[in-house]
Amino acid sequence: MMLMTVAAALPGGAAAAEYPTGPIRIIVPYAAGGAGDISMRALQPALERELGQSLVIESRPGGGGTIGAQDVAKAAPDGYTMLCGATNNFVINQFMFPNVKFDPFASLALITKVTDVPSVMYSNPSVPAKTLGQFIAYAKANPGKLNYASPSVGTTPDLAVERLKQLTGIDLVHVPYQGAPPAMQALLEDQVQLYLAGWGVGRSYVEAGKINALAVASAQRVPSIPLPTAIESGVPDYTASNWWGLAGPKGTAQPVINRLYRAVTAALADPEVQASLDKIGFLGIGNSPQAFLEDAQAEAKVWSATISRGHLAIE
């Protein structure tokens, strides 16, 4: 076993060339049933066919996703313990929680962005707004009187609204909850007036007339989400999403990284996988390891600036 681990860690080693020869453990550092768990289980059958091995998907929540990410970083870089991490794990937590002292770019080998879940901007019907522009105008006329929800402090729904506040000058009050379900329930009950979440989370409530969908915070329109973008709605350069990426411990052999990258892209091309993701408003990505790294580094600068400007870091 030791010989196999050492060889797998060596670029061009025999074990790397034969990889994988056993089950692969995928750690999702959040509770079961979340978007990362859903993403990996949607891909699991196709990935197992591509790799010829079984996947063991393990939820390991705690520390805002940092505990699971740190566990992967400490694992042997042999390709058999991988991370399916969220936006927070790669580009937010190192700035939001600086005392944790975990640098994902120094500790992890990024492989590919698996899925992207564009944020839909939902409002309670108590706000007389059917569009994002109307919501912003109403918020400006009523500073400090509207609340917005998040699943927790420092999550992407929290920071995405903080960035919206910085870009537009509106004044909203943050109300953090313990997870996404109570945050959505608070919106339904008008305890808060704005909440950002995926289309799969709020679609049924929109169709039932219980909440309004103002815009989707993606760079371009999403075919499965019948909404204009926030950019089209008058907020230049504003995007927000909770994406999920695959990574391994730093030092994972390049042939192993390439093998996993090719397997993910092949799985995302499977019509059944595409249909299942499209149904819930998830976008399959599958970019190259280099593109994933460059995109993540660029996005990290955005969130670093947002957190610094708003003095949001938790020391």
Protein backbone atom coordinates (compact mmCIF):
# COMPACT_ATOMS: atom_id res chain seq x y z
CA MET A 1 0.00 0.00 0.00
CA MET A 2 2.82 2.40 0.83
CA LEU A 3 4.49 1.69 -2.52
CA MET A 4 1.24 2.36 -4.35
CA THR A 5 0.73 5.67 -2.51
CA VAL A 6 4.26 6.88 -3.25
CA ALA A 7 4.06 5.89 -6.90
CA ALA A 8 0.68 7.55 -7.32
CA ALA A 9 2.13 10.78 -5.98
CA LEU A 10 4.87 10.77 -8.61
CA PRO A 11 3.95 12.33 -11.97
CA GLY A 12 4.25 9.61 -14.58
CA GLY A 13 4.47 6.86 -11.90
CA ALA A 14 3.11 3.42 -12.71
CA ALA A 15 0.31 3.66 -10.14
CA ALA A 16 -0.78 7.03 -11.52
CA ALA A 17 -0.94 5.56 -15.01
CA GLU A 18 -3.16 2.71 -13.78
CA TYR A 19 -5.35 4.92 -11.62
CA PRO A 20 -7.88 4.21 -10.27
CA THR A 21 -7.52 0.70 -8.90
CA GLY A 22 -9.96 1.03 -6.00
CA PRO A 23 -12.90 3.03 -4.62
CA ILE A 24 -12.59 6.83 -4.50
CA ARG A 25 -13.88 8.75 -1.50
CA ILE A 26 -15.46 12.13 -2.24
CA ILE A 27 -15.82 14.35 0.83
CA VAL A 28 -18.54 17.00 0.69
CA PRO A 29 -17.84 19.33 3.63
CA TYR A 30 -21.49 20.18 4.26
CA ALA A 31 -24.61 18.37 5.43
CA ALA A 32 -26.13 15.65 3.25
CA GLY A 33 -28.83 16.81 0.86
CA GLY A 34 -27.14 20.09 -0.09
CA ALA A 35 -26.16 21.21 -3.57
CA GLY A 36 -22.74 19.57 -3.47
CA ASP A 37 -24.18 16.25 -2.37
CA ILE A 38 -26.87 16.53 -5.07
CA SER A 39 -24.26 17.36 -7.72
CA MET A 40 -22.05 14.38 -6.94
CA ARG A 41 -24.94 11.94 -6.71
CA ALA A 42 -26.26 13.16 -10.06
CA LEU A 43 -22.86 12.42 -11.61
CA GLN A 44 -22.11 9.28 -9.60
CA PRO A 45 -23.42 6.57 -11.98
CA ALA A 46 -21.74 8.12 -15.02
CA LEU A 47 -18.51 8.80 -13.13
CA GLU A 48 -18.36 5.24 -11.87
CA ARG A 49 -18.75 3.97 -15.43
CA GLU A 50 -16.00 6.29 -16.65
CA LEU A 51 -13.57 5.42 -13.86
CA GLY A 52 -14.43 1.76 -13.50
CA GLN A 53 -14.56 2.12 -9.73
CA SER A 54 -17.13 2.98 -7.10
CA LEU A 55 -17.44 6.41 -5.49
CA VAL A 56 -18.08 6.79 -1.78
CA ILE A 57 -19.72 10.18 -1.18
CA GLU A 58 -19.23 11.27 2.42
CA SER A 59 -20.75 14.36 4.03
CA ARG A 60 -18.44 15.91 6.62
CA PRO A 61 -19.97 19.22 7.79
CA GLY A 62 -18.48 21.67 10.27
CA GLY A 63 -16.56 24.91 10.46
CA GLY A 64 -18.36 26.47 7.51
CA GLY A 65 -16.98 23.73 5.27
CA THR A 66 -13.39 24.15 6.44
CA ILE A 67 -13.15 20.93 8.49
CA GLY A 68 -13.85 18.65 5.54
CA ALA A 69 -11.56 20.67 3.26
CA GLN A 70 -8.71 20.46 5.78
CA ASP A 71 -9.20 16.71 6.10
CA VAL A 72 -8.78 16.30 2.35
CA ALA A 73 -5.71 18.57 2.35
CA LYS A 74 -4.10 16.29 4.96
CA ALA A 75 -4.89 13.07 3.07
CA ALA A 76 -2.38 11.17 0.96
CA PRO A 77 -2.17 12.78 -2.51
CA ASP A 78 -2.98 9.51 -4.26
CA GLY A 79 -6.34 10.37 -5.83
CA TYR A 80 -8.42 8.26 -3.47
CA THR A 81 -9.59 11.04 -1.13
CA MET A 82 -11.06 14.02 -2.97
CA LEU A 83 -13.03 17.14 -2.10
CA CYS A 84 -16.24 18.35 -3.67
CA GLY A 85 -16.08 21.85 -2.23
CA ALA A 86 -18.22 24.94 -2.58
CA THR A 87 -17.41 28.54 -3.47
CA ASN A 88 -16.73 29.19 0.23
CA ASN A 89 -14.03 26.51 0.41
CA PHE A 90 -12.01 27.91 -2.47
CA VAL A 91 -12.48 31.69 -2.59
CA ILE A 92 -14.22 33.01 0.55
CA ASN A 93 -13.36 31.34 3.84
CA GLN A 94 -9.68 32.30 3.81
CA PHE A 95 -10.74 35.97 3.89
CA MET A 96 -13.89 35.64 5.99
CA PHE A 97 -12.21 33.58 8.71
CA PRO A 98 -8.52 34.61 8.57
CA ASN A 99 -7.69 33.07 11.96
CA VAL A 100 -8.35 29.60 10.56
CA LYS A 101 -5.23 30.07 8.41
CA PHE A 102 -6.25 27.67 5.64
CA ASP A 103 -5.12 28.61 2.14
CA PRO A 104 -6.95 26.41 -0.39
CA PHE A 105 -4.62 27.34 -3.25
CA ALA A 106 -1.59 26.23 -1.22
CA SER A 107 -3.26 23.13 0.23
CA LEU A 108 -5.37 21.74 -2.61
CA ALA A 109 -4.89 20.68 -6.22
CA LEU A 110 -7.84 22.06 -8.18
CA ILE A 111 -9.21 19.67 -10.82
CA THR A 112 -12.43 21.06 -12.32
CA LYS A 113 -15.50 23.09 -11.50
CA VAL A 114 -18.27 20.49 -11.53
CA THR A 115 -21.49 22.46 -11.29
CA ASP A 116 -22.60 26.04 -10.91
CA VAL A 117 -25.81 27.01 -9.12
CA PRO A 118 -26.69 30.58 -10.17
CA SER A 119 -28.33 32.61 -7.44
CA VAL A 120 -31.93 33.58 -8.04
CA MET A 121 -32.97 36.72 -6.21
CA TYR A 122 -36.24 36.01 -4.42
CA SER A 123 -38.41 38.58 -2.64
CA ASN A 124 -41.50 38.44 -0.51
CA PRO A 125 -44.65 39.80 -2.20
CA SER A 126 -44.96 42.36 0.61
CA VAL A 127 -42.35 44.34 -1.33
CA PRO A 128 -44.05 46.07 -4.28
CA ALA A 129 -41.45 44.90 -6.79
CA LYS A 130 -41.59 42.47 -9.69
CA THR A 131 -38.08 43.23 -10.97
CA LEU A 132 -34.68 43.73 -9.37
CA GLY A 133 -34.66 47.36 -10.48
CA GLN A 134 -37.96 47.96 -8.71
CA PHE A 135 -36.67 46.20 -5.58
CA ILE A 136 -33.55 48.38 -5.49
CA ALA A 137 -35.64 51.53 -5.93
CA TYR A 138 -37.96 50.49 -3.11
CA ALA A 139 -35.02 49.63 -0.85
CA LYS A 140 -33.46 53.04 -1.50
CA ALA A 141 -36.73 54.70 -0.54
CA ASN A 142 -36.90 52.63 2.65
CA PRO A 143 -33.33 52.40 4.01
CA GLY A 144 -32.83 49.92 6.83
CA LYS A 145 -36.42 48.71 6.71
CA LEU A 146 -35.92 45.55 4.64
CA ASN A 147 -34.24 42.36 5.83
CA TYR A 148 -32.35 39.72 3.89
CA ALA A 149 -31.73 36.12 4.90
CA SER A 150 -28.71 33.85 4.64
CA PRO A 151 -28.01 30.27 5.74
CA SER A 152 -25.20 31.62 7.92
CA VAL A 153 -22.76 34.50 8.23
CA GLY A 154 -20.11 34.45 5.52
CA THR A 155 -21.98 32.17 3.12
CA THR A 156 -22.36 33.11 -0.53
CA PRO A 157 -26.00 34.25 -0.09
CA ASP A 158 -24.79 36.58 2.68
CA LEU A 159 -21.79 38.01 0.84
CA ALA A 160 -23.62 38.25 -2.48
CA VAL A 161 -26.15 40.62 -0.90
CA GLU A 162 -23.34 42.52 0.84
CA ARG A 163 -21.79 43.03 -2.60
CA LEU A 164 -25.17 44.12 -3.99
CA LYS A 165 -25.40 46.68 -1.17
CA GLN A 166 -21.93 47.99 -1.98
CA LEU A 167 -22.68 48.26 -5.71
CA THR A 168 -26.10 49.92 -5.38
CA GLY A 169 -25.97 51.81 -2.07
CA ILE A 170 -29.06 50.13 -0.64
CA ASP A 171 -29.31 49.49 3.11
CA LEU A 172 -30.62 46.02 4.06
CA VAL A 173 -30.45 44.27 7.44
CA HIS A 174 -28.83 40.84 7.54
CA VAL A 175 -30.67 38.04 9.38
CA PRO A 176 -28.61 34.82 9.42
CA TYR A 177 -30.29 31.45 9.93
CA GLN A 178 -29.04 27.94 10.66
CA GLY A 179 -29.19 26.60 7.14
CA ALA A 180 -31.05 27.15 3.89
CA PRO A 181 -34.49 25.69 4.79
CA PRO A 182 -35.17 28.10 7.69
CA ALA A 183 -33.88 30.99 5.57
CA MET A 184 -36.39 30.18 2.83
CA GLN A 185 -39.13 29.72 5.44
CA ALA A 186 -38.33 33.17 6.82
CA LEU A 187 -38.83 34.64 3.34
CA LEU A 188 -42.16 32.83 2.96
CA GLU A 189 -43.29 34.22 6.32
CA ASP A 190 -42.13 37.78 5.47
CA GLN A 191 -39.64 37.82 8.33
CA VAL A 192 -37.15 38.77 5.61
CA GLN A 193 -37.83 40.33 2.24
CA LEU A 194 -34.89 39.07 0.15
CA TYR A 195 -33.12 35.74 -0.14
CA LEU A 196 -30.69 34.35 -2.72
CA ALA A 197 -30.86 30.64 -3.54
CA GLY A 198 -30.89 28.23 -6.45
CA TRP A 199 -33.81 27.92 -8.84
CA GLY A 200 -34.54 24.40 -7.62
CA VAL A 201 -35.06 25.72 -4.10
CA GLY A 202 -37.62 28.42 -4.89
CA ARG A 203 -39.23 27.53 -8.19
CA SER A 204 -42.31 25.81 -6.73
CA TYR A 205 -42.95 28.76 -4.39
CA VAL A 206 -42.70 31.20 -7.30
CA GLU A 207 -45.11 29.15 -9.39
CA ALA A 208 -47.51 29.05 -6.43
CA GLY A 209 -47.33 32.85 -6.09
CA LYS A 210 -45.85 32.69 -2.59
CA ILE A 211 -42.66 34.58 -3.47
CA ASN A 212 -41.37 36.61 -6.41
CA ALA A 213 -38.30 35.85 -8.50
CA LEU A 214 -36.62 39.12 -9.49
CA ALA A 215 -33.55 38.09 -11.49
CA VAL A 216 -30.86 35.44 -11.84
CA ALA A 217 -27.37 36.60 -10.89
CA SER A 218 -25.55 34.83 -13.74
CA ALA A 219 -23.32 36.35 -16.39
CA GLN A 220 -25.72 35.26 -19.14
CA ARG A 221 -29.31 34.10 -19.16
CA VAL A 222 -29.87 30.48 -18.13
CA PRO A 223 -32.21 28.60 -20.52
CA SER A 224 -33.87 26.66 -17.69
CA ILE A 225 -34.49 29.79 -15.57
CA PRO A 226 -37.02 32.20 -17.15
CA LEU A 227 -35.56 35.37 -15.67
CA PRO A 228 -33.40 38.30 -16.79
CA THR A 229 -29.93 38.58 -15.32
CA ALA A 230 -29.06 41.06 -12.59
CA ILE A 231 -26.73 42.74 -15.09
CA GLU A 232 -29.62 43.22 -17.52
CA SER A 233 -31.63 44.55 -14.59
CA GLY A 234 -29.24 47.44 -14.05
CA VAL A 235 -26.44 46.16 -11.78
CA PRO A 236 -23.28 46.03 -13.94
CA ASP A 237 -20.78 43.25 -13.28
CA TYR A 238 -22.99 41.66 -10.65
CA THR A 239 -22.96 37.87 -10.56
CA ALA A 240 -23.46 35.45 -7.71
CA SER A 241 -23.61 31.70 -7.51
CA ASN A 242 -22.75 28.77 -5.31
CA TRP A 243 -20.51 26.56 -7.43
CA TRP A 244 -18.95 23.21 -6.63
CA GLY A 245 -15.48 22.08 -7.60
CA LEU A 246 -13.45 18.90 -7.38
CA ALA A 247 -10.01 19.02 -5.77
CA GLY A 248 -7.45 16.77 -4.17
CA PRO A 249 -4.57 17.23 -1.76
CA LYS A 250 -1.68 19.34 -3.02
CA GLY A 251 0.85 17.08 -4.69
CA THR A 252 -1.68 14.86 -6.45
CA ALA A 253 -0.02 13.55 -9.62
CA GLN A 254 -0.92 15.34 -12.85
CA PRO A 255 -1.98 12.09 -14.59
CA VAL A 256 -4.45 11.49 -11.75
CA ILE A 257 -5.76 15.04 -12.02
CA ASN A 258 -6.14 14.67 -15.77
CA ARG A 259 -7.93 11.33 -15.40
CA LEU A 260 -10.47 12.78 -12.99
CA TYR A 261 -10.96 15.87 -15.13
CA ARG A 262 -11.68 13.77 -18.23
CA ALA A 263 -14.07 11.56 -16.27
CA VAL A 264 -16.05 14.55 -14.96
CA THR A 265 -16.35 16.14 -18.41
CA ALA A 266 -17.51 12.84 -19.88
CA ALA A 267 -20.07 12.42 -17.10
CA LEU A 268 -21.37 15.95 -17.61
CA ALA A 269 -21.87 15.16 -21.31
CA ASP A 270 -24.17 12.25 -20.44
CA PRO A 271 -27.75 13.17 -21.51
CA GLU A 272 -29.26 11.77 -18.32
CA VAL A 273 -26.89 13.82 -16.18
CA GLN A 274 -27.61 16.94 -18.23
CA ALA A 275 -31.36 16.42 -17.85
CA SER A 276 -31.16 15.90 -14.09
CA LEU A 277 -29.04 19.01 -13.57
CA ASP A 278 -31.15 21.14 -15.91
CA LYS A 279 -34.31 20.18 -14.01
CA ILE A 280 -33.02 21.78 -10.80
CA GLY A 281 -31.28 24.77 -12.38
CA PHE A 282 -27.71 23.48 -11.99
CA LEU A 283 -25.19 24.17 -14.76
CA GLY A 284 -22.60 21.53 -15.63
CA ILE A 285 -19.19 23.18 -16.12
CA GLY A 286 -16.21 20.80 -16.44
CA ASN A 287 -13.49 23.38 -17.13
CA SER A 288 -9.82 22.42 -17.27
CA PRO A 289 -7.66 22.36 -14.10
CA GLN A 290 -5.82 25.48 -15.26
CA ALA A 291 -9.03 27.33 -16.14
CA PHE A 292 -10.57 26.35 -12.81
CA LEU A 293 -7.53 27.66 -10.94
CA GLU A 294 -7.46 30.94 -12.87
CA ASP A 295 -11.21 31.50 -12.45
CA ALA A 296 -11.02 30.76 -8.72
CA GLN A 297 -8.06 33.09 -8.21
CA ALA A 298 -9.89 35.90 -10.03
CA GLU A 299 -13.06 35.36 -8.00
CA ALA A 300 -11.07 35.25 -4.76
CA LYS A 301 -9.99 38.84 -5.43
CA VAL A 302 -13.64 39.91 -5.75
CA TRP A 303 -14.65 38.36 -2.44
CA SER A 304 -11.51 39.55 -0.69
CA ALA A 305 -12.33 43.11 -1.73
CA THR A 306 -15.99 42.73 -0.75
CA ILE A 307 -15.10 41.43 2.72
CA SER A 308 -12.41 44.07 3.24
CA ARG A 309 -14.61 46.95 2.06
CA GLY A 310 -17.47 45.89 4.33
CA HIS A 311 -15.23 45.02 7.31
CA LEU A 312 -16.96 41.65 7.35
CA ALA A 313 -14.15 39.30 8.40
CA ILE A 314 -14.72 37.36 11.63
CA GLU A 315 -11.50 37.45 13.67
